Protein backbone atom coordinates (compact mmCIF):
# COMPACT_ATOMS: atom_id res chain seq x y z
CA MET A 1 45.23 135.75 -15.28
CA ASP A 2 46.02 133.47 -12.28
CA LEU A 3 44.53 130.01 -11.45
CA VAL A 4 41.69 131.44 -9.13
CA ASP A 5 40.62 133.85 -12.19
CA LEU A 6 40.67 130.81 -14.62
CA ILE A 7 38.47 128.51 -12.37
CA TRP A 8 36.05 131.37 -12.07
CA HIS A 9 35.73 131.93 -15.60
CA LEU A 10 35.04 128.31 -16.46
CA ALA A 11 32.75 128.06 -13.64
CA GLY A 12 30.82 131.19 -15.40
CA PHE A 13 30.96 129.51 -18.58
CA VAL A 14 29.63 126.15 -17.61
CA ALA A 15 26.90 127.29 -15.13
CA PRO A 16 24.33 127.90 -17.80
CA ALA A 17 24.47 124.64 -19.10
CA LEU A 18 24.52 123.20 -15.56
CA PHE A 19 21.39 125.10 -14.53
CA LEU A 20 19.60 124.50 -17.74
CA ALA A 21 20.22 120.67 -17.29
CA VAL A 22 18.84 120.52 -13.95
CA GLY A 23 15.89 122.81 -14.80
CA LEU A 24 15.12 120.55 -18.01
CA ALA A 25 15.31 117.33 -16.32
CA LEU A 26 13.00 118.60 -13.33
CA GLY A 27 10.53 120.10 -15.65
CA ALA A 28 10.44 116.67 -17.50
CA ARG A 29 9.49 115.04 -14.42
CA LEU A 30 6.68 117.37 -13.92
CA PHE A 31 5.25 117.01 -17.31
CA TRP A 32 5.92 113.52 -18.11
CA ARG A 33 5.95 111.02 -15.33
CA SER A 34 6.14 107.83 -17.15
CA GLY A 35 9.05 106.99 -19.82
CA THR A 36 11.68 109.30 -18.48
CA PRO A 37 15.14 108.20 -17.82
CA ALA A 38 16.97 108.19 -14.63
CA LEU A 39 17.18 111.95 -13.11
CA ALA A 40 21.18 111.64 -13.17
CA ARG A 41 21.14 110.44 -16.78
CA GLN A 42 18.94 113.03 -17.98
CA ILE A 43 20.78 115.64 -16.23
CA GLY A 44 24.21 114.35 -17.79
CA LEU A 45 22.96 114.10 -21.23
CA ASN A 46 21.33 117.64 -21.01
CA PHE A 47 24.60 119.02 -19.55
CA ALA A 48 26.95 117.40 -22.34
CA VAL A 49 24.93 118.52 -25.05
CA GLY A 50 24.42 122.05 -23.27
CA LEU A 51 27.99 122.43 -22.97
CA GLY A 52 28.83 121.32 -26.40
CA VAL A 53 26.63 124.00 -27.97
CA LEU A 54 28.21 126.45 -25.70
CA MET A 55 31.79 125.59 -26.97
CA LEU A 56 30.62 125.22 -30.43
CA GLY A 57 29.07 128.92 -30.06
CA LEU A 58 32.51 130.17 -28.66
CA ALA A 59 34.59 128.54 -31.30
CA LEU A 60 32.13 130.18 -34.00
CA THR A 61 32.51 133.71 -32.86
């Protein structure tokens, strides 16, 4: 596997966590207008947790 393939594999692995983090943060803005943290912070936290879950699932399988 060359470097380009490695980058595409990593991007494909990380993409679900990123898209879900953005979707969850925007959905929270829709339903709860007050009391939500800053959008970038919420996306970052959701992305970190989602990526951690993906990595744990990969390690367990």
